[in-house]
Amino acid sequence: MNGIHDMGGMHGYGPVDPSDDSPFHADWERRVFALVLAASAHLRSNLDQGRFQLETLPPEEYLRGYFERWYARLLEQSVAAGLLDTSARAAIERGERPVAPARDHEPVPAAAFLHVAATGSPVTRESTRAPIFVPGDAVRARNLHPATHTRLPGYVRGHIGTVVAHHGVHVFPDSNAKLLGEDPQHLYGVRFTATSLWGDGASDRDTVTLDLFEPYLEPAP
């Protein structure tokens, strides 16, 4: 999907401050993070579908901030999963304490929550299909523009890079986001020179390495 979320390589968003390594900048951000993980077992959504839901937020809402959009998505998912009804959501948006609908599920045990927070959910898979590419191969990122979720950034589409690593087989986000199955695919590290992406004005010493799935790539001529 082409949208405001795909801002890699764009101007106007300011520098990245590598000295600011704190994941949270306010207590409410910690609470939103915890709520999302605690509710994840009941939201009827997977990681890739959740990312797609973020990408479909209106641009002005998406740009409000990282945890602001997590919170907006959590409300949408909670209504869809029956954790909240529309009146409860309206109360939350008015700043009132909602009356939640009757619960038909058990809460997530604290131990399970801590395990998910510490380890995440593995996305590696087994496959008997051999990889098409090997390190050293020249590949072109395909010029794809799907209307749904993809992990292929817009700024590399159509550009040539070099495979530098093979990461095995992983759940394919493009399929998983649409609930069409995991469709496991080979994943590669592909290195692009800055000049190939942004022209002669870029530094000829810089490179960008991206992890790209096999369906995103084709042999370079």
N, C-alpha and C. Protein backbone atom coordinates (compact mmCIF):
# COMPACT_ATOMS: atom_id res chain seq x y z
N MET A 1 0.85 -1.19 0.00
CA MET A 1 0.00 0.00 0.00
C MET A 1 0.89 1.24 0.00
N ASN A 2 0.61 2.17 -0.89
CA ASN A 2 1.32 3.45 -0.91
C ASN A 2 0.58 4.42 0.01
N GLY A 3 1.27 4.89 1.04
CA GLY A 3 0.62 5.79 1.98
C GLY A 3 1.63 6.57 2.79
N ILE A 4 1.13 7.33 3.76
CA ILE A 4 1.98 8.21 4.55
C ILE A 4 2.98 7.41 5.39
N HIS A 5 2.67 6.14 5.68
CA HIS A 5 3.56 5.33 6.50
C HIS A 5 4.88 5.03 5.78
N ASP A 6 4.86 5.02 4.44
CA ASP A 6 6.04 4.63 3.66
C ASP A 6 6.87 5.89 3.37
N MET A 7 7.49 6.44 4.42
CA MET A 7 8.18 7.72 4.28
C MET A 7 9.70 7.57 4.18
N GLY A 8 10.19 6.34 4.04
CA GLY A 8 11.63 6.14 3.90
C GLY A 8 12.18 6.87 2.69
N GLY A 9 13.29 7.55 2.87
CA GLY A 9 13.92 8.27 1.77
C GLY A 9 13.30 9.61 1.45
N MET A 10 12.29 10.03 2.23
CA MET A 10 11.63 11.30 1.94
C MET A 10 12.27 12.44 2.72
N HIS A 11 12.12 13.65 2.20
CA HIS A 11 12.61 14.84 2.87
C HIS A 11 11.55 15.40 3.82
N GLY A 12 12.01 16.22 4.77
CA GLY A 12 11.10 17.05 5.54
C GLY A 12 10.68 16.51 6.89
N TYR A 13 11.18 15.33 7.29
CA TYR A 13 10.76 14.77 8.57
C TYR A 13 11.83 14.91 9.65
N GLY A 14 12.91 15.60 9.36
CA GLY A 14 13.92 15.88 10.37
C GLY A 14 14.90 14.74 10.55
N PRO A 15 15.99 15.01 11.26
CA PRO A 15 17.02 13.98 11.46
C PRO A 15 16.60 12.96 12.51
N VAL A 16 17.21 11.79 12.45
CA VAL A 16 17.04 10.77 13.48
C VAL A 16 18.06 11.04 14.57
N ASP A 17 17.60 11.08 15.82
CA ASP A 17 18.49 11.34 16.95
C ASP A 17 18.90 10.01 17.57
N PRO A 18 20.10 9.50 17.26
CA PRO A 18 20.50 8.19 17.79
C PRO A 18 20.77 8.19 19.29
N SER A 19 20.90 9.37 19.90
CA SER A 19 21.18 9.42 21.33
C SER A 19 19.92 9.18 22.16
N ASP A 20 18.74 9.31 21.55
CA ASP A 20 17.47 9.12 22.27
C ASP A 20 17.04 7.67 22.09
N ASP A 21 17.48 6.79 23.00
CA ASP A 21 17.20 5.37 22.85
C ASP A 21 16.10 4.88 23.80
N SER A 22 15.36 5.79 24.41
CA SER A 22 14.28 5.39 25.30
C SER A 22 13.06 4.97 24.48
N PRO A 23 12.49 3.79 24.74
CA PRO A 23 11.31 3.37 23.97
C PRO A 23 10.05 4.15 24.35
N PHE A 24 10.03 4.72 25.55
CA PHE A 24 8.85 5.45 26.02
C PHE A 24 9.25 6.84 26.50
N HIS A 25 8.36 7.80 26.27
CA HIS A 25 8.63 9.17 26.70
C HIS A 25 7.54 9.71 27.61
N ALA A 26 6.58 8.87 27.97
CA ALA A 26 5.53 9.23 28.91
C ALA A 26 4.93 7.94 29.47
N ASP A 27 4.36 8.03 30.68
CA ASP A 27 3.80 6.83 31.30
C ASP A 27 2.65 6.24 30.49
N TRP A 28 1.84 7.10 29.84
CA TRP A 28 0.71 6.58 29.08
C TRP A 28 1.18 5.72 27.90
N GLU A 29 2.37 5.99 27.37
CA GLU A 29 2.89 5.16 26.28
C GLU A 29 3.17 3.75 26.76
N ARG A 30 3.70 3.62 27.97
CA ARG A 30 3.92 2.30 28.55
C ARG A 30 2.60 1.55 28.70
N ARG A 31 1.56 2.27 29.12
CA ARG A 31 0.26 1.64 29.33
C ARG A 31 -0.34 1.17 28.00
N VAL A 32 -0.20 1.98 26.96
CA VAL A 32 -0.72 1.57 25.65
C VAL A 32 0.02 0.33 25.16
N PHE A 33 1.33 0.32 25.30
CA PHE A 33 2.12 -0.84 24.89
C PHE A 33 1.66 -2.10 25.63
N ALA A 34 1.47 -1.98 26.95
CA ALA A 34 1.02 -3.13 27.74
C ALA A 34 -0.38 -3.56 27.35
N LEU A 35 -1.28 -2.61 27.11
CA LEU A 35 -2.65 -2.95 26.73
C LEU A 35 -2.69 -3.70 25.39
N VAL A 36 -1.88 -3.25 24.43
CA VAL A 36 -1.86 -3.91 23.13
C VAL A 36 -1.39 -5.36 23.27
N LEU A 37 -0.33 -5.58 24.03
CA LEU A 37 0.16 -6.94 24.21
C LEU A 37 -0.84 -7.79 24.99
N ALA A 38 -1.42 -7.22 26.04
CA ALA A 38 -2.36 -7.99 26.86
C ALA A 38 -3.62 -8.35 26.08
N ALA A 39 -4.03 -7.48 25.17
CA ALA A 39 -5.26 -7.73 24.41
C ALA A 39 -5.02 -8.55 23.15
N SER A 40 -3.75 -8.77 22.79
CA SER A 40 -3.44 -9.37 21.49
C SER A 40 -4.05 -10.75 21.31
N ALA A 41 -4.20 -11.51 22.39
CA ALA A 41 -4.76 -12.86 22.27
C ALA A 41 -6.24 -12.83 21.90
N HIS A 42 -6.90 -11.69 22.08
CA HIS A 42 -8.35 -11.61 21.86
C HIS A 42 -8.74 -10.67 20.73
N LEU A 43 -7.76 -10.11 20.02
CA LEU A 43 -8.07 -9.09 19.03
C LEU A 43 -8.37 -9.65 17.64
N ARG A 44 -8.24 -10.97 17.46
CA ARG A 44 -8.55 -11.60 16.17
C ARG A 44 -7.75 -10.95 15.04
N SER A 45 -6.49 -10.70 15.31
CA SER A 45 -5.64 -10.03 14.33
C SER A 45 -4.23 -10.55 14.49
N ASN A 46 -3.48 -10.62 13.39
CA ASN A 46 -2.07 -10.99 13.49
C ASN A 46 -1.21 -9.74 13.31
N LEU A 47 0.10 -9.91 13.47
CA LEU A 47 1.01 -8.77 13.42
C LEU A 47 0.90 -8.01 12.11
N ASP A 48 0.85 -8.73 11.00
CA ASP A 48 0.84 -8.07 9.70
C ASP A 48 -0.49 -7.38 9.43
N GLN A 49 -1.58 -8.00 9.85
CA GLN A 49 -2.87 -7.34 9.70
C GLN A 49 -2.92 -6.08 10.56
N GLY A 50 -2.31 -6.16 11.76
CA GLY A 50 -2.25 -4.98 12.61
C GLY A 50 -1.46 -3.85 11.98
N ARG A 51 -0.37 -4.18 11.32
CA ARG A 51 0.41 -3.14 10.62
C ARG A 51 -0.42 -2.52 9.50
N PHE A 52 -1.16 -3.36 8.77
CA PHE A 52 -1.99 -2.83 7.69
C PHE A 52 -3.07 -1.90 8.24
N GLN A 53 -3.62 -2.24 9.41
CA GLN A 53 -4.62 -1.37 10.02
C GLN A 53 -4.02 -0.01 10.38
N LEU A 54 -2.77 0.01 10.81
CA LEU A 54 -2.10 1.29 11.06
C LEU A 54 -1.95 2.09 9.77
N GLU A 55 -1.62 1.39 8.69
CA GLU A 55 -1.37 2.06 7.41
C GLU A 55 -2.64 2.67 6.82
N THR A 56 -3.81 2.17 7.22
CA THR A 56 -5.06 2.69 6.69
C THR A 56 -5.62 3.84 7.51
N LEU A 57 -4.93 4.22 8.60
CA LEU A 57 -5.37 5.39 9.36
C LEU A 57 -5.25 6.64 8.49
N PRO A 58 -6.12 7.63 8.66
CA PRO A 58 -5.97 8.89 7.93
C PRO A 58 -4.59 9.50 8.21
N PRO A 59 -3.97 10.14 7.22
CA PRO A 59 -2.61 10.67 7.41
C PRO A 59 -2.47 11.56 8.64
N GLU A 60 -3.45 12.42 8.90
CA GLU A 60 -3.32 13.32 10.04
C GLU A 60 -3.34 12.55 11.36
N GLU A 61 -4.03 11.41 11.39
CA GLU A 61 -4.05 10.59 12.60
C GLU A 61 -2.78 9.77 12.71
N TYR A 62 -2.30 9.26 11.59
CA TYR A 62 -1.07 8.47 11.59
C TYR A 62 0.12 9.29 12.08
N LEU A 63 0.17 10.56 11.69
CA LEU A 63 1.32 11.40 12.02
C LEU A 63 1.25 12.01 13.41
N ARG A 64 0.21 11.72 14.18
CA ARG A 64 0.12 12.28 15.53
C ARG A 64 1.22 11.74 16.43
N GLY A 65 1.69 10.54 16.16
CA GLY A 65 2.76 9.96 16.98
C GLY A 65 2.66 8.45 17.00
N TYR A 66 3.75 7.81 17.41
CA TYR A 66 3.84 6.35 17.34
C TYR A 66 2.78 5.67 18.21
N PHE A 67 2.76 6.00 19.50
CA PHE A 67 1.82 5.32 20.38
C PHE A 67 0.41 5.90 20.25
N GLU A 68 0.29 7.11 19.74
CA GLU A 68 -1.05 7.63 19.44
C GLU A 68 -1.74 6.76 18.40
N ARG A 69 -0.99 6.35 17.36
CA ARG A 69 -1.63 5.50 16.36
C ARG A 69 -1.82 4.07 16.86
N TRP A 70 -0.94 3.60 17.74
CA TRP A 70 -1.18 2.30 18.38
C TRP A 70 -2.50 2.33 19.15
N TYR A 71 -2.75 3.43 19.85
CA TYR A 71 -3.97 3.55 20.64
C TYR A 71 -5.20 3.60 19.74
N ALA A 72 -5.12 4.37 18.65
CA ALA A 72 -6.24 4.45 17.71
C ALA A 72 -6.55 3.08 17.13
N ARG A 73 -5.51 2.33 16.78
CA ARG A 73 -5.72 0.99 16.24
C ARG A 73 -6.32 0.06 17.29
N LEU A 74 -5.86 0.17 18.54
CA LEU A 74 -6.38 -0.68 19.61
C LEU A 74 -7.88 -0.50 19.78
N LEU A 75 -8.35 0.74 19.71
CA LEU A 75 -9.79 0.98 19.83
C LEU A 75 -10.55 0.31 18.67
N GLU A 76 -10.03 0.46 17.45
CA GLU A 76 -10.68 -0.16 16.29
C GLU A 76 -10.73 -1.67 16.45
N GLN A 77 -9.61 -2.27 16.83
CA GLN A 77 -9.54 -3.72 16.96
C GLN A 77 -10.43 -4.22 18.09
N SER A 78 -10.50 -3.47 19.18
CA SER A 78 -11.29 -3.90 20.33
C SER A 78 -12.77 -3.93 20.01
N VAL A 79 -13.23 -2.97 19.21
CA VAL A 79 -14.64 -2.97 18.79
C VAL A 79 -14.89 -4.15 17.85
N ALA A 80 -13.98 -4.36 16.89
CA ALA A 80 -14.15 -5.45 15.93
C ALA A 80 -14.16 -6.81 16.61
N ALA A 81 -13.38 -6.96 17.69
CA ALA A 81 -13.28 -8.24 18.39
C ALA A 81 -14.33 -8.41 19.48
N GLY A 82 -15.15 -7.39 19.72
CA GLY A 82 -16.18 -7.48 20.74
C GLY A 82 -15.70 -7.20 22.14
N LEU A 83 -14.47 -6.72 22.29
CA LEU A 83 -13.98 -6.34 23.62
C LEU A 83 -14.62 -5.04 24.08
N LEU A 84 -14.98 -4.19 23.13
CA LEU A 84 -15.71 -2.96 23.40
C LEU A 84 -16.87 -2.87 22.42
N ASP A 85 -17.96 -2.23 22.84
CA ASP A 85 -18.99 -1.90 21.87
C ASP A 85 -18.86 -0.42 21.51
N THR A 86 -19.68 0.02 20.58
CA THR A 86 -19.52 1.39 20.09
C THR A 86 -19.80 2.43 21.16
N SER A 87 -20.71 2.12 22.09
CA SER A 87 -20.99 3.09 23.16
C SER A 87 -19.81 3.19 24.12
N ALA A 88 -19.14 2.06 24.38
CA ALA A 88 -17.96 2.09 25.25
C ALA A 88 -16.84 2.88 24.58
N ARG A 89 -16.69 2.68 23.27
CA ARG A 89 -15.65 3.44 22.57
C ARG A 89 -15.96 4.93 22.60
N ALA A 90 -17.22 5.29 22.40
CA ALA A 90 -17.59 6.70 22.43
C ALA A 90 -17.30 7.31 23.80
N ALA A 91 -17.55 6.53 24.87
CA ALA A 91 -17.26 7.03 26.22
C ALA A 91 -15.77 7.27 26.40
N ILE A 92 -14.95 6.35 25.89
CA ILE A 92 -13.50 6.52 25.99
C ILE A 92 -13.06 7.79 25.27
N GLU A 93 -13.61 8.01 24.08
CA GLU A 93 -13.22 9.18 23.31
C GLU A 93 -13.68 10.48 23.96
N ARG A 94 -14.71 10.40 24.83
CA ARG A 94 -15.14 11.58 25.59
C ARG A 94 -14.35 11.74 26.88
N GLY A 95 -13.44 10.80 27.15
CA GLY A 95 -12.67 10.85 28.38
C GLY A 95 -13.38 10.27 29.58
N GLU A 96 -14.42 9.47 29.34
CA GLU A 96 -15.20 8.87 30.42
C GLU A 96 -14.80 7.41 30.60
N ARG A 97 -15.11 6.86 31.78
CA ARG A 97 -14.85 5.45 32.02
C ARG A 97 -15.95 4.63 31.35
N PRO A 98 -15.60 3.71 30.47
CA PRO A 98 -16.63 2.97 29.73
C PRO A 98 -17.20 1.82 30.54
N VAL A 99 -18.39 1.39 30.16
CA VAL A 99 -18.96 0.15 30.67
C VAL A 99 -18.71 -0.91 29.60
N ALA A 100 -17.80 -1.82 29.89
CA ALA A 100 -17.42 -2.83 28.89
C ALA A 100 -18.52 -3.87 28.75
N PRO A 101 -18.69 -4.44 27.56
CA PRO A 101 -19.68 -5.51 27.38
C PRO A 101 -19.28 -6.75 28.18
N ALA A 102 -20.26 -7.64 28.37
CA ALA A 102 -19.98 -8.87 29.12
C ALA A 102 -18.84 -9.64 28.47
N ARG A 103 -17.93 -10.14 29.29
CA ARG A 103 -16.74 -10.82 28.77
C ARG A 103 -17.03 -12.30 28.56
N ASP A 104 -16.71 -12.80 27.36
CA ASP A 104 -16.91 -14.22 27.08
C ASP A 104 -15.58 -14.94 26.90
N HIS A 105 -14.52 -14.39 27.50
CA HIS A 105 -13.20 -14.99 27.38
C HIS A 105 -12.45 -14.78 28.69
N GLU A 106 -11.42 -15.56 28.88
CA GLU A 106 -10.60 -15.44 30.07
C GLU A 106 -9.48 -14.42 29.85
N PRO A 107 -9.13 -13.67 30.88
CA PRO A 107 -8.00 -12.73 30.73
C PRO A 107 -6.69 -13.47 30.50
N VAL A 108 -5.75 -12.78 29.88
CA VAL A 108 -4.44 -13.37 29.61
C VAL A 108 -3.66 -13.46 30.93
N PRO A 109 -3.15 -14.65 31.29
CA PRO A 109 -2.36 -14.76 32.52
C PRO A 109 -1.12 -13.87 32.45
N ALA A 110 -0.73 -13.35 33.60
CA ALA A 110 0.43 -12.45 33.65
C ALA A 110 1.68 -13.12 33.10
N ALA A 111 1.87 -14.41 33.40
CA ALA A 111 3.07 -15.11 32.94
C ALA A 111 3.10 -15.18 31.41
N ALA A 112 1.93 -15.40 30.80
CA ALA A 112 1.87 -15.46 29.33
C ALA A 112 2.17 -14.09 28.73
N PHE A 113 1.66 -13.05 29.36
CA PHE A 113 1.92 -11.69 28.89
C PHE A 113 3.41 -11.38 28.94
N LEU A 114 4.06 -11.72 30.04
CA LEU A 114 5.49 -11.44 30.18
C LEU A 114 6.30 -12.24 29.16
N HIS A 115 5.86 -13.46 28.86
CA HIS A 115 6.58 -14.28 27.87
C HIS A 115 6.49 -13.64 26.49
N VAL A 116 5.29 -13.20 26.10
CA VAL A 116 5.13 -12.56 24.80
C VAL A 116 5.94 -11.27 24.73
N ALA A 117 5.91 -10.49 25.81
CA ALA A 117 6.65 -9.23 25.83
C ALA A 117 8.15 -9.47 25.68
N ALA A 118 8.65 -10.58 26.24
CA ALA A 118 10.09 -10.83 26.23
C ALA A 118 10.56 -11.52 24.95
N THR A 119 9.71 -12.36 24.36
CA THR A 119 10.18 -13.19 23.24
C THR A 119 9.50 -12.91 21.92
N GLY A 120 8.32 -12.30 21.93
CA GLY A 120 7.59 -12.10 20.69
C GLY A 120 7.05 -13.42 20.16
N SER A 121 6.65 -13.42 18.90
CA SER A 121 6.12 -14.63 18.25
C SER A 121 7.00 -14.97 17.06
N PRO A 122 7.66 -16.12 17.08
CA PRO A 122 8.56 -16.47 15.98
C PRO A 122 7.83 -16.52 14.64
N VAL A 123 8.48 -16.03 13.59
CA VAL A 123 7.89 -16.04 12.25
C VAL A 123 8.72 -16.86 11.27
N THR A 124 9.75 -17.54 11.75
CA THR A 124 10.52 -18.43 10.88
C THR A 124 9.74 -19.71 10.64
N ARG A 125 9.90 -20.27 9.44
CA ARG A 125 9.19 -21.48 9.07
C ARG A 125 10.12 -22.42 8.31
N GLU A 126 9.74 -23.69 8.23
CA GLU A 126 10.49 -24.67 7.46
C GLU A 126 9.95 -24.73 6.03
N SER A 127 10.83 -25.03 5.07
CA SER A 127 10.40 -25.16 3.68
C SER A 127 11.37 -26.07 2.94
N THR A 128 10.83 -26.86 2.03
CA THR A 128 11.67 -27.71 1.19
C THR A 128 12.03 -27.02 -0.12
N ARG A 129 11.48 -25.84 -0.35
CA ARG A 129 11.74 -25.11 -1.59
C ARG A 129 13.08 -24.39 -1.49
N ALA A 130 13.94 -24.59 -2.47
CA ALA A 130 15.27 -23.98 -2.47
C ALA A 130 15.16 -22.49 -2.78
N PRO A 131 16.06 -21.68 -2.22
CA PRO A 131 16.05 -20.25 -2.54
C PRO A 131 16.46 -20.01 -3.99
N ILE A 132 15.88 -18.99 -4.59
CA ILE A 132 16.22 -18.63 -5.97
C ILE A 132 17.55 -17.89 -6.03
N PHE A 133 17.83 -17.08 -5.01
CA PHE A 133 19.02 -16.23 -5.02
C PHE A 133 20.02 -16.68 -3.95
N VAL A 134 21.28 -16.31 -4.17
CA VAL A 134 22.35 -16.59 -3.21
C VAL A 134 23.16 -15.31 -3.03
N PRO A 135 23.88 -15.18 -1.91
CA PRO A 135 24.72 -13.99 -1.73
C PRO A 135 25.65 -13.76 -2.91
N GLY A 136 25.72 -12.51 -3.33
CA GLY A 136 26.51 -12.13 -4.49
C GLY A 136 25.67 -11.87 -5.73
N ASP A 137 24.42 -12.37 -5.75
CA ASP A 137 23.55 -12.16 -6.91
C ASP A 137 23.10 -10.70 -7.00
N ALA A 138 23.07 -10.18 -8.22
CA ALA A 138 22.48 -8.87 -8.47
C ALA A 138 20.98 -9.05 -8.68
N VAL A 139 20.18 -8.27 -7.98
CA VAL A 139 18.72 -8.38 -8.07
C VAL A 139 18.11 -7.00 -8.22
N ARG A 140 16.94 -6.98 -8.81
CA ARG A 140 16.17 -5.74 -8.91
C ARG A 140 14.92 -5.86 -8.04
N ALA A 141 14.66 -4.83 -7.25
CA ALA A 141 13.41 -4.80 -6.50
C ALA A 141 12.27 -4.53 -7.49
N ARG A 142 11.29 -5.39 -7.49
CA ARG A 142 10.20 -5.27 -8.46
C ARG A 142 9.39 -4.00 -8.21
N ASN A 143 8.83 -3.47 -9.26
CA ASN A 143 8.04 -2.23 -9.17
C ASN A 143 6.59 -2.58 -8.87
N LEU A 144 6.35 -2.96 -7.61
CA LEU A 144 5.03 -3.41 -7.17
C LEU A 144 4.32 -2.30 -6.41
N HIS A 145 3.01 -2.21 -6.60
CA HIS A 145 2.22 -1.20 -5.90
C HIS A 145 0.91 -1.82 -5.42
N PRO A 146 0.98 -2.77 -4.49
CA PRO A 146 -0.25 -3.40 -4.00
C PRO A 146 -1.10 -2.42 -3.19
N ALA A 147 -2.40 -2.64 -3.21
CA ALA A 147 -3.31 -1.78 -2.45
C ALA A 147 -3.40 -2.20 -0.99
N THR A 148 -2.72 -3.28 -0.64
CA THR A 148 -2.74 -3.78 0.73
C THR A 148 -1.32 -3.77 1.29
N HIS A 149 -1.12 -4.45 2.42
CA HIS A 149 0.15 -4.37 3.14
C HIS A 149 1.29 -5.01 2.37
N THR A 150 2.45 -4.36 2.40
CA THR A 150 3.68 -4.93 1.86
C THR A 150 4.85 -4.40 2.66
N ARG A 151 5.94 -5.17 2.69
CA ARG A 151 7.16 -4.74 3.37
C ARG A 151 8.21 -4.27 2.36
N LEU A 152 7.79 -4.02 1.14
CA LEU A 152 8.70 -3.52 0.10
C LEU A 152 8.61 -2.00 0.06
N PRO A 153 9.64 -1.29 0.54
CA PRO A 153 9.57 0.18 0.58
C PRO A 153 9.51 0.77 -0.82
N GLY A 154 8.79 1.87 -0.94
CA GLY A 154 8.64 2.50 -2.24
C GLY A 154 9.95 2.99 -2.83
N TYR A 155 10.88 3.43 -1.97
CA TYR A 155 12.09 4.07 -2.50
C TYR A 155 13.08 3.09 -3.12
N VAL A 156 12.88 1.77 -2.94
CA VAL A 156 13.80 0.82 -3.58
C VAL A 156 13.19 0.15 -4.80
N ARG A 157 11.91 0.35 -5.05
CA ARG A 157 11.25 -0.34 -6.17
C ARG A 157 11.88 0.08 -7.50
N GLY A 158 12.25 -0.91 -8.28
CA GLY A 158 12.87 -0.66 -9.57
C GLY A 158 14.38 -0.51 -9.52
N HIS A 159 14.97 -0.51 -8.32
CA HIS A 159 16.42 -0.31 -8.19
C HIS A 159 17.15 -1.65 -8.04
N ILE A 160 18.43 -1.63 -8.41
CA ILE A 160 19.26 -2.84 -8.39
C ILE A 160 20.14 -2.84 -7.15
N GLY A 161 20.19 -3.99 -6.49
CA GLY A 161 21.06 -4.18 -5.34
C GLY A 161 21.74 -5.54 -5.40
N THR A 162 22.47 -5.86 -4.34
CA THR A 162 23.21 -7.12 -4.28
C THR A 162 22.78 -7.92 -3.06
N VAL A 163 22.49 -9.19 -3.26
CA VAL A 163 22.14 -10.06 -2.13
C VAL A 163 23.39 -10.27 -1.28
N VAL A 164 23.27 -9.98 0.02
CA VAL A 164 24.41 -10.15 0.92
C VAL A 164 24.14 -11.20 1.99
N ALA A 165 22.89 -11.68 2.11
CA ALA A 165 22.58 -12.68 3.12
C ALA A 165 21.28 -13.39 2.76
N HIS A 166 21.18 -14.63 3.21
CA HIS A 166 19.92 -15.38 3.12
C HIS A 166 19.49 -15.69 4.54
N HIS A 167 18.29 -15.24 4.92
CA HIS A 167 17.82 -15.34 6.31
C HIS A 167 16.87 -16.51 6.54
N GLY A 168 16.76 -17.42 5.58
CA GLY A 168 15.85 -18.53 5.75
C GLY A 168 14.45 -18.19 5.26
N VAL A 169 13.47 -18.92 5.77
CA VAL A 169 12.08 -18.80 5.31
C VAL A 169 11.23 -18.22 6.45
N HIS A 170 10.40 -17.24 6.10
CA HIS A 170 9.59 -16.54 7.09
C HIS A 170 8.15 -16.40 6.59
N VAL A 171 7.24 -16.13 7.53
CA VAL A 171 5.87 -15.80 7.17
C VAL A 171 5.88 -14.61 6.21
N PHE A 172 5.09 -14.70 5.13
CA PHE A 172 5.06 -13.63 4.13
C PHE A 172 4.01 -12.60 4.54
N PRO A 173 4.42 -11.39 4.92
CA PRO A 173 3.48 -10.40 5.45
C PRO A 173 2.36 -10.04 4.49
N ASP A 174 2.65 -9.98 3.20
CA ASP A 174 1.65 -9.54 2.23
C ASP A 174 0.43 -10.46 2.23
N SER A 175 0.66 -11.75 2.40
CA SER A 175 -0.44 -12.72 2.45
C SER A 175 -1.07 -12.76 3.84
N ASN A 176 -0.23 -12.76 4.86
CA ASN A 176 -0.71 -12.88 6.23
C ASN A 176 -1.60 -11.70 6.63
N ALA A 177 -1.28 -10.51 6.12
CA ALA A 177 -2.06 -9.32 6.45
C ALA A 177 -3.49 -9.41 5.92
N LYS A 178 -3.69 -10.17 4.85
CA LYS A 178 -5.02 -10.32 4.25
C LYS A 178 -5.73 -11.57 4.74
N LEU A 179 -5.13 -12.25 5.75
CA LEU A 179 -5.69 -13.48 6.30
C LEU A 179 -5.84 -14.56 5.23
N LEU A 180 -4.87 -14.59 4.30
CA LEU A 180 -4.87 -15.59 3.24
C LEU A 180 -3.87 -16.71 3.51
N GLY A 181 -3.38 -16.79 4.73
CA GLY A 181 -2.40 -17.81 5.08
C GLY A 181 -1.00 -17.23 5.18
N GLU A 182 -0.10 -18.02 5.75
CA GLU A 182 1.25 -17.53 6.00
C GLU A 182 2.12 -17.50 4.74
N ASP A 183 1.88 -18.39 3.78
CA ASP A 183 2.62 -18.42 2.51
C ASP A 183 4.11 -18.18 2.73
N PRO A 184 4.82 -19.02 3.47
CA PRO A 184 6.23 -18.75 3.82
C PRO A 184 7.11 -18.52 2.59
N GLN A 185 8.00 -17.54 2.69
CA GLN A 185 8.87 -17.15 1.59
C GLN A 185 10.30 -16.95 2.09
N HIS A 186 11.26 -17.16 1.18
CA HIS A 186 12.66 -16.90 1.50
C HIS A 186 12.86 -15.39 1.69
N LEU A 187 13.74 -15.08 2.64
CA LEU A 187 14.03 -13.68 2.99
C LEU A 187 15.52 -13.43 2.81
N TYR A 188 15.86 -12.30 2.17
CA TYR A 188 17.25 -11.98 1.85
C TYR A 188 17.62 -10.60 2.39
N GLY A 189 18.89 -10.45 2.74
CA GLY A 189 19.45 -9.13 2.95
C GLY A 189 19.97 -8.62 1.61
N VAL A 190 19.50 -7.45 1.19
CA VAL A 190 19.89 -6.88 -0.10
C VAL A 190 20.47 -5.49 0.13
N ARG A 191 21.67 -5.28 -0.39
CA ARG A 191 22.38 -4.01 -0.19
C ARG A 191 22.27 -3.15 -1.44
N PHE A 192 21.89 -1.89 -1.23
CA PHE A 192 21.79 -0.91 -2.31
C PHE A 192 22.78 0.22 -2.02
N THR A 193 23.44 0.72 -3.05
CA THR A 193 24.27 1.90 -2.86
C THR A 193 23.37 3.13 -2.77
N ALA A 194 23.81 4.11 -2.00
CA ALA A 194 23.03 5.33 -1.87
C ALA A 194 22.87 6.04 -3.20
N THR A 195 23.91 5.99 -4.03
CA THR A 195 23.83 6.67 -5.33
C THR A 195 22.84 5.99 -6.26
N SER A 196 22.69 4.66 -6.13
CA SER A 196 21.71 3.98 -6.98
C SER A 196 20.28 4.35 -6.59
N LEU A 197 20.09 4.72 -5.32
CA LEU A 197 18.75 5.07 -4.85
C LEU A 197 18.44 6.55 -5.04
N TRP A 198 19.44 7.42 -4.79
CA TRP A 198 19.17 8.85 -4.74
C TRP A 198 20.05 9.68 -5.68
N GLY A 199 20.79 9.02 -6.55
CA GLY A 199 21.53 9.75 -7.56
C GLY A 199 22.89 10.26 -7.10
N ASP A 200 23.49 11.07 -7.95
CA ASP A 200 24.86 11.52 -7.72
C ASP A 200 25.00 12.44 -6.51
N GLY A 201 23.89 12.99 -6.02
CA GLY A 201 23.97 13.86 -4.85
C GLY A 201 24.18 13.10 -3.56
N ALA A 202 24.00 11.79 -3.58
CA ALA A 202 24.20 10.97 -2.39
C ALA A 202 25.67 10.61 -2.25
N SER A 203 26.07 10.23 -1.04
CA SER A 203 27.45 9.84 -0.80
C SER A 203 27.75 8.50 -1.46
N ASP A 204 28.88 8.43 -2.16
CA ASP A 204 29.24 7.16 -2.80
C ASP A 204 29.84 6.18 -1.80
N ARG A 205 29.94 6.58 -0.53
CA ARG A 205 30.44 5.68 0.52
C ARG A 205 29.31 4.98 1.26
N ASP A 206 28.08 5.46 1.08
CA ASP A 206 26.96 4.96 1.88
C ASP A 206 26.19 3.86 1.16
N THR A 207 25.66 2.94 1.95
CA THR A 207 24.80 1.88 1.43
C THR A 207 23.60 1.71 2.36
N VAL A 208 22.56 1.09 1.85
CA VAL A 208 21.37 0.75 2.63
C VAL A 208 21.12 -0.74 2.42
N THR A 209 20.99 -1.49 3.51
CA THR A 209 20.71 -2.93 3.41
C THR A 209 19.32 -3.20 3.97
N LEU A 210 18.49 -3.84 3.16
CA LEU A 210 17.11 -4.14 3.53
C LEU A 210 16.87 -5.64 3.50
N ASP A 211 16.00 -6.11 4.37
CA ASP A 211 15.55 -7.50 4.32
C ASP A 211 14.32 -7.56 3.43
N LEU A 212 14.43 -8.27 2.31
CA LEU A 212 13.38 -8.30 1.30
C LEU A 212 12.99 -9.75 0.97
N PHE A 213 11.70 -9.97 0.82
CA PHE A 213 11.20 -11.31 0.52
C PHE A 213 11.37 -11.63 -0.96
N GLU A 214 11.49 -12.92 -1.24
CA GLU A 214 11.75 -13.38 -2.60
C GLU A 214 10.75 -12.84 -3.63
N PRO A 215 9.43 -12.81 -3.34
CA PRO A 215 8.51 -12.29 -4.36
C PRO A 215 8.72 -10.81 -4.70
N TYR A 216 9.49 -10.09 -3.89
CA TYR A 216 9.78 -8.69 -4.18
C TYR A 216 10.92 -8.53 -5.19
N LEU A 217 11.62 -9.61 -5.50
CA LEU A 217 12.88 -9.51 -6.24
C LEU A 217 12.81 -10.25 -7.57
N GLU A 218 13.63 -9.78 -8.50
CA GLU A 218 13.83 -10.47 -9.78
C GLU A 218 15.30 -10.35 -10.15
N PRO A 219 15.82 -11.29 -10.95
CA PRO A 219 17.23 -11.19 -11.35
C PRO A 219 17.49 -9.89 -12.10
N ALA A 220 18.60 -9.24 -11.77
CA ALA A 220 18.97 -8.02 -12.49
C ALA A 220 19.60 -8.39 -13.82
N PRO A 221 19.33 -7.62 -14.86
CA PRO A 221 19.92 -7.93 -16.18
C PRO A 221 21.43 -7.73 -16.18
